């Protein structure tokens, strides 16, 4: 088994670890160590924290966030399609029209169900 072919992968992993760890270690070792009460206190928007940090969020927040990510990713598929529109021909065009039709149907469904309303 020839391990020389794995050398670039091992080097890549080692450089990645070094780039992640070395700046943090250097900052910790070379940086000033002057703790005080203000630096050690909990910080939340400039005033003391209130309530439990593990409080429950309304499910609508997660629903809107997931829908945003979903439709954002679907729109990201349009960019490669638009770049290659001349090369893919009519079948690629109609395949994307079907994709966009399904996307619009899903969007209208979510809109009618009120999933996009923020109360």
N, C-alpha and C. Protein backbone atom coordinates (compact mmCIF):
# COMPACT_ATOMS: atom_id res chain seq x y z
N UNK A 1 0.85 -1.18 0.00
CA UNK A 1 0.00 0.00 0.00
C UNK A 1 0.89 1.24 0.00
N UNK A 2 0.67 2.13 -0.93
CA UNK A 2 1.48 3.32 -1.07
C UNK A 2 0.84 4.47 -0.31
N UNK A 3 1.43 4.86 0.81
CA UNK A 3 0.88 5.93 1.63
C UNK A 3 1.26 7.32 1.13
N UNK A 4 2.13 7.39 0.13
CA UNK A 4 2.55 8.69 -0.38
C UNK A 4 1.40 9.42 -1.07
N UNK A 5 0.42 8.71 -1.56
CA UNK A 5 -0.73 9.37 -2.20
C UNK A 5 -1.61 10.09 -1.18
N UNK A 6 -1.51 9.68 0.09
CA UNK A 6 -2.31 10.32 1.13
C UNK A 6 -1.61 11.53 1.76
N UNK A 7 -0.38 11.80 1.37
CA UNK A 7 0.37 12.90 1.95
C UNK A 7 -0.32 14.25 1.77
N UNK A 8 -0.87 14.59 0.60
CA UNK A 8 -1.56 15.88 0.50
C UNK A 8 -2.77 15.98 1.42
N UNK A 9 -3.48 14.89 1.61
CA UNK A 9 -4.64 14.91 2.50
C UNK A 9 -4.20 15.12 3.94
N UNK A 10 -3.16 14.43 4.35
CA UNK A 10 -2.64 14.58 5.72
C UNK A 10 -2.13 15.99 5.94
N UNK A 11 -1.42 16.53 4.95
CA UNK A 11 -0.94 17.92 5.06
C UNK A 11 -2.11 18.90 5.15
N UNK A 12 -3.13 18.68 4.36
CA UNK A 12 -4.30 19.54 4.40
C UNK A 12 -4.96 19.52 5.77
N UNK A 13 -5.10 18.35 6.35
CA UNK A 13 -5.70 18.23 7.68
C UNK A 13 -4.82 18.90 8.73
N UNK A 14 -3.52 18.69 8.66
CA UNK A 14 -2.62 19.31 9.64
C UNK A 14 -2.60 20.82 9.52
N UNK A 15 -2.59 21.34 8.31
CA UNK A 15 -2.62 22.80 8.13
C UNK A 15 -3.96 23.36 8.62
N UNK A 16 -5.05 22.66 8.36
CA UNK A 16 -6.36 23.11 8.85
C UNK A 16 -6.42 23.15 10.36
N UNK A 17 -5.88 22.14 11.02
CA UNK A 17 -5.84 22.13 12.49
C UNK A 17 -4.95 23.26 13.00
N UNK A 18 -3.81 23.46 12.35
CA UNK A 18 -2.89 24.52 12.79
C UNK A 18 -3.52 25.89 12.63
N UNK A 19 -4.23 26.12 11.53
CA UNK A 19 -4.88 27.41 11.31
C UNK A 19 -5.99 27.64 12.35
N UNK A 20 -6.63 26.59 12.78
CA UNK A 20 -7.68 26.74 13.78
C UNK A 20 -7.19 26.88 15.20
N UNK A 21 -6.09 26.19 15.52
CA UNK A 21 -5.63 26.13 16.90
C UNK A 21 -4.57 27.19 17.22
N UNK A 22 -3.63 27.39 16.32
CA UNK A 22 -2.51 28.29 16.61
C UNK A 22 -2.92 29.72 16.94
N UNK A 23 -3.80 30.38 16.20
CA UNK A 23 -4.18 31.74 16.58
C UNK A 23 -4.83 31.82 17.97
N UNK A 24 -5.62 30.82 18.30
CA UNK A 24 -6.24 30.83 19.63
C UNK A 24 -5.20 30.63 20.72
N UNK A 25 -4.30 29.71 20.50
CA UNK A 25 -3.25 29.46 21.50
C UNK A 25 -2.35 30.68 21.65
N UNK A 26 -1.99 31.31 20.53
CA UNK A 26 -1.14 32.50 20.61
C UNK A 26 -1.85 33.64 21.32
N UNK A 27 -3.13 33.82 21.06
CA UNK A 27 -3.89 34.86 21.75
C UNK A 27 -3.98 34.61 23.24
N UNK A 28 -4.14 33.37 23.60
CA UNK A 28 -4.23 33.02 25.02
C UNK A 28 -2.88 33.20 25.72
N UNK A 29 -1.81 32.79 25.05
CA UNK A 29 -0.48 32.87 25.67
C UNK A 29 0.09 34.29 25.64
N UNK A 30 -0.10 35.01 24.56
CA UNK A 30 0.53 36.32 24.41
C UNK A 30 -0.37 37.49 24.82
N UNK A 31 -1.66 37.25 24.92
CA UNK A 31 -2.59 38.33 25.26
C UNK A 31 -2.53 38.70 26.73
N UNK A 32 -2.99 39.91 27.05
CA UNK A 32 -2.99 40.33 28.45
C UNK A 32 -4.01 39.53 29.27
N UNK A 33 -3.63 39.23 30.49
CA UNK A 33 -4.49 38.46 31.39
C UNK A 33 -4.89 39.36 32.56
N UNK A 34 -5.87 40.24 32.34
CA UNK A 34 -6.31 41.16 33.38
C UNK A 34 -7.82 41.01 33.59
N UNK A 35 -8.26 39.95 34.24
CA UNK A 35 -9.70 39.79 34.46
C UNK A 35 -10.23 40.78 35.50
N UNK A 36 -11.44 41.23 35.31
CA UNK A 36 -12.12 42.04 36.32
C UNK A 36 -13.60 41.64 36.35
N UNK A 37 -14.35 42.23 37.24
CA UNK A 37 -15.74 41.82 37.43
C UNK A 37 -16.59 42.07 36.18
N UNK A 38 -16.34 43.17 35.48
CA UNK A 38 -17.13 43.49 34.29
C UNK A 38 -16.89 42.49 33.17
N UNK A 39 -15.64 42.07 32.98
CA UNK A 39 -15.33 41.10 31.93
C UNK A 39 -15.86 39.72 32.26
N UNK A 40 -15.92 39.37 33.51
CA UNK A 40 -16.36 38.04 33.91
C UNK A 40 -17.88 37.94 34.04
N UNK A 41 -18.59 39.07 33.98
CA UNK A 41 -20.04 39.03 34.17
C UNK A 41 -20.75 38.60 32.88
N UNK A 42 -21.98 38.14 33.05
CA UNK A 42 -22.79 37.76 31.90
C UNK A 42 -23.22 39.01 31.16
N UNK A 43 -23.18 38.97 29.85
CA UNK A 43 -23.49 40.14 29.04
C UNK A 43 -24.65 39.83 28.11
N UNK A 44 -25.67 40.66 28.19
CA UNK A 44 -26.80 40.50 27.29
C UNK A 44 -27.33 41.88 26.95
N UNK A 45 -26.93 42.39 25.83
CA UNK A 45 -27.40 43.68 25.32
C UNK A 45 -27.09 44.83 26.27
N UNK A 46 -26.05 44.74 27.04
CA UNK A 46 -25.65 45.85 27.89
C UNK A 46 -26.31 45.90 29.24
N UNK A 47 -27.20 44.96 29.55
CA UNK A 47 -27.82 44.95 30.87
C UNK A 47 -27.85 43.53 31.40
N UNK A 48 -28.15 43.40 32.65
CA UNK A 48 -28.15 42.09 33.29
C UNK A 48 -29.16 41.15 32.62
N UNK A 49 -28.78 39.91 32.53
CA UNK A 49 -29.65 38.91 31.92
C UNK A 49 -30.87 38.69 32.80
N UNK A 50 -31.99 38.45 32.15
CA UNK A 50 -33.21 38.15 32.88
C UNK A 50 -33.85 36.91 32.27
N UNK A 51 -34.53 36.17 33.06
CA UNK A 51 -35.18 34.97 32.58
C UNK A 51 -34.20 33.83 32.37
N UNK A 52 -34.73 32.71 31.96
CA UNK A 52 -33.93 31.51 31.73
C UNK A 52 -33.42 31.51 30.30
N UNK A 53 -32.19 31.17 30.10
CA UNK A 53 -31.62 31.12 28.76
C UNK A 53 -32.20 29.96 27.95
N UNK A 54 -32.81 29.02 28.62
CA UNK A 54 -33.38 27.85 27.94
C UNK A 54 -34.89 27.97 27.77
N UNK A 55 -35.37 29.20 27.63
CA UNK A 55 -36.82 29.38 27.48
C UNK A 55 -37.26 28.87 26.11
N UNK A 56 -38.50 28.51 26.01
CA UNK A 56 -39.04 27.97 24.77
C UNK A 56 -39.40 29.10 23.82
N UNK A 57 -39.11 28.87 22.54
CA UNK A 57 -39.51 29.80 21.50
C UNK A 57 -40.80 29.29 20.87
N UNK A 58 -41.54 30.22 20.33
CA UNK A 58 -42.75 29.85 19.63
C UNK A 58 -42.38 29.05 18.38
N UNK A 59 -43.16 28.04 18.07
CA UNK A 59 -42.86 27.18 16.93
C UNK A 59 -42.93 27.95 15.62
N UNK A 60 -43.67 29.06 15.59
CA UNK A 60 -43.76 29.84 14.36
C UNK A 60 -42.40 30.41 13.97
N UNK A 61 -41.56 30.72 14.95
CA UNK A 61 -40.22 31.23 14.65
C UNK A 61 -39.45 30.18 13.84
N UNK A 62 -39.48 28.94 14.29
CA UNK A 62 -38.77 27.87 13.59
C UNK A 62 -39.38 27.61 12.22
N UNK A 63 -40.70 27.68 12.13
CA UNK A 63 -41.38 27.44 10.87
C UNK A 63 -40.98 28.48 9.83
N UNK A 64 -40.98 29.75 10.21
CA UNK A 64 -40.59 30.80 9.28
C UNK A 64 -39.12 30.65 8.89
N UNK A 65 -38.27 30.31 9.85
CA UNK A 65 -36.85 30.13 9.55
C UNK A 65 -36.63 28.97 8.58
N UNK A 66 -37.30 27.86 8.79
CA UNK A 66 -37.15 26.71 7.92
C UNK A 66 -37.69 27.02 6.53
N UNK A 67 -38.83 27.72 6.47
CA UNK A 67 -39.37 28.07 5.16
C UNK A 67 -38.46 29.03 4.41
N UNK A 68 -37.84 29.96 5.12
CA UNK A 68 -36.90 30.86 4.48
C UNK A 68 -35.72 30.09 3.90
N UNK A 69 -35.17 29.19 4.68
CA UNK A 69 -34.03 28.40 4.19
C UNK A 69 -34.44 27.54 3.01
N UNK A 70 -35.61 26.94 3.09
CA UNK A 70 -36.09 26.10 2.01
C UNK A 70 -36.21 26.87 0.71
N UNK A 71 -36.91 28.00 0.74
CA UNK A 71 -37.11 28.76 -0.49
C UNK A 71 -35.82 29.44 -0.94
N UNK A 72 -34.96 29.79 -0.02
CA UNK A 72 -33.68 30.39 -0.39
C UNK A 72 -32.82 29.37 -1.14
N UNK A 73 -32.80 28.14 -0.66
CA UNK A 73 -32.03 27.10 -1.35
C UNK A 73 -32.64 26.76 -2.70
N UNK A 74 -33.95 26.78 -2.78
CA UNK A 74 -34.59 26.49 -4.05
C UNK A 74 -34.25 27.56 -5.08
N UNK A 75 -34.20 28.80 -4.65
CA UNK A 75 -33.84 29.89 -5.57
C UNK A 75 -32.38 29.77 -5.98
N UNK A 76 -31.54 29.23 -5.12
CA UNK A 76 -30.12 29.05 -5.47
C UNK A 76 -29.95 28.11 -6.65
N UNK A 77 -30.91 27.23 -6.89
CA UNK A 77 -30.84 26.35 -8.05
C UNK A 77 -31.05 27.10 -9.36
N UNK A 78 -31.61 28.30 -9.29
CA UNK A 78 -31.86 29.06 -10.51
C UNK A 78 -30.58 29.62 -11.13
N UNK A 79 -29.57 29.90 -10.33
CA UNK A 79 -28.36 30.51 -10.86
C UNK A 79 -27.61 29.60 -11.83
N UNK A 80 -27.32 28.35 -11.48
CA UNK A 80 -26.65 27.49 -12.48
C UNK A 80 -27.52 27.25 -13.71
N UNK A 81 -28.82 27.18 -13.50
CA UNK A 81 -29.73 26.99 -14.63
C UNK A 81 -29.68 28.20 -15.56
N UNK A 82 -29.67 29.40 -15.00
CA UNK A 82 -29.64 30.60 -15.82
C UNK A 82 -28.32 30.72 -16.57
N UNK A 83 -27.24 30.27 -15.97
CA UNK A 83 -25.94 30.34 -16.65
C UNK A 83 -25.90 29.34 -17.82
N UNK A 84 -26.49 28.18 -17.64
CA UNK A 84 -26.40 27.13 -18.65
C UNK A 84 -27.65 27.02 -19.52
N UNK A 85 -28.47 28.06 -19.55
CA UNK A 85 -29.75 27.96 -20.26
C UNK A 85 -29.56 27.68 -21.75
N UNK A 86 -28.51 28.21 -22.36
CA UNK A 86 -28.29 27.98 -23.80
C UNK A 86 -27.82 26.56 -24.08
N UNK A 87 -27.12 25.96 -23.11
CA UNK A 87 -26.56 24.63 -23.34
C UNK A 87 -27.56 23.51 -23.06
N UNK A 88 -28.53 23.72 -22.21
CA UNK A 88 -29.42 22.63 -21.81
C UNK A 88 -30.59 22.43 -22.75
N UNK A 89 -30.89 23.42 -23.56
CA UNK A 89 -31.94 23.26 -24.56
C UNK A 89 -33.34 23.35 -24.00
N UNK A 90 -34.29 22.94 -24.82
CA UNK A 90 -35.70 23.06 -24.47
C UNK A 90 -36.09 22.11 -23.34
N UNK A 91 -35.50 20.91 -23.31
CA UNK A 91 -35.87 19.97 -22.24
C UNK A 91 -35.43 20.49 -20.88
N UNK A 92 -34.26 21.12 -20.80
CA UNK A 92 -33.82 21.72 -19.54
C UNK A 92 -34.68 22.89 -19.14
N UNK A 93 -35.11 23.66 -20.14
CA UNK A 93 -35.99 24.80 -19.85
C UNK A 93 -37.31 24.33 -19.25
N UNK A 94 -37.93 23.32 -19.88
CA UNK A 94 -39.23 22.86 -19.40
C UNK A 94 -39.11 22.10 -18.07
N UNK A 95 -37.98 21.44 -17.86
CA UNK A 95 -37.76 20.80 -16.56
C UNK A 95 -37.70 21.86 -15.46
N UNK A 96 -37.04 22.98 -15.73
CA UNK A 96 -36.98 24.04 -14.73
C UNK A 96 -38.34 24.71 -14.56
N UNK A 97 -39.13 24.81 -15.61
CA UNK A 97 -40.46 25.38 -15.47
C UNK A 97 -41.34 24.50 -14.58
N UNK A 98 -41.20 23.19 -14.72
CA UNK A 98 -41.94 22.27 -13.84
C UNK A 98 -41.46 22.45 -12.40
N UNK A 99 -40.15 22.55 -12.21
CA UNK A 99 -39.59 22.78 -10.88
C UNK A 99 -40.12 24.07 -10.28
N UNK A 100 -40.13 25.15 -11.07
CA UNK A 100 -40.64 26.43 -10.57
C UNK A 100 -42.14 26.37 -10.30
N UNK A 101 -42.87 25.61 -11.13
CA UNK A 101 -44.30 25.45 -10.89
C UNK A 101 -44.57 24.77 -9.55
N UNK A 102 -43.83 23.72 -9.26
CA UNK A 102 -43.97 23.02 -7.97
C UNK A 102 -43.58 23.96 -6.83
N UNK A 103 -42.54 24.74 -7.03
CA UNK A 103 -42.10 25.70 -6.02
C UNK A 103 -43.18 26.75 -5.76
N UNK A 104 -43.80 27.25 -6.81
CA UNK A 104 -44.86 28.26 -6.65
C UNK A 104 -46.08 27.64 -5.96
N UNK A 105 -46.43 26.42 -6.31
CA UNK A 105 -47.56 25.76 -5.65
C UNK A 105 -47.29 25.61 -4.16
N UNK A 106 -46.07 25.21 -3.80
CA UNK A 106 -45.72 25.10 -2.38
C UNK A 106 -45.74 26.44 -1.68
N UNK A 107 -45.27 27.48 -2.35
CA UNK A 107 -45.27 28.81 -1.76
C UNK A 107 -46.69 29.31 -1.54
N UNK A 108 -47.56 29.13 -2.52
CA UNK A 108 -48.96 29.55 -2.39
C UNK A 108 -49.64 28.77 -1.27
N UNK A 109 -49.36 27.48 -1.18
CA UNK A 109 -49.93 26.66 -0.11
C UNK A 109 -49.52 27.19 1.26
N UNK A 110 -48.22 27.49 1.43
CA UNK A 110 -47.75 28.02 2.70
C UNK A 110 -48.38 29.38 2.99
N UNK A 111 -48.55 30.18 1.99
CA UNK A 111 -49.14 31.51 2.16
C UNK A 111 -50.59 31.38 2.59
N UNK A 112 -51.35 30.50 1.92
CA UNK A 112 -52.77 30.32 2.25
C UNK A 112 -52.96 29.72 3.64
N UNK A 113 -52.04 28.86 4.07
CA UNK A 113 -52.13 28.26 5.40
C UNK A 113 -51.76 29.25 6.51
N UNK A 114 -51.16 30.38 6.13
CA UNK A 114 -50.78 31.38 7.11
C UNK A 114 -49.44 31.12 7.76
N UNK A 115 -48.63 30.26 7.17
CA UNK A 115 -47.33 29.94 7.76
C UNK A 115 -46.36 31.11 7.66
N UNK A 116 -46.61 32.03 6.75
CA UNK A 116 -45.71 33.16 6.58
C UNK A 116 -46.14 34.38 7.38
N UNK A 117 -47.26 34.30 8.07
CA UNK A 117 -47.75 35.42 8.89
C UNK A 117 -47.01 35.46 10.22
N UNK A 118 -46.55 36.62 10.57
CA UNK A 118 -45.86 36.80 11.85
C UNK A 118 -46.76 37.67 12.72
N UNK A 119 -47.27 37.09 13.79
CA UNK A 119 -48.23 37.80 14.64
C UNK A 119 -47.56 38.52 15.76
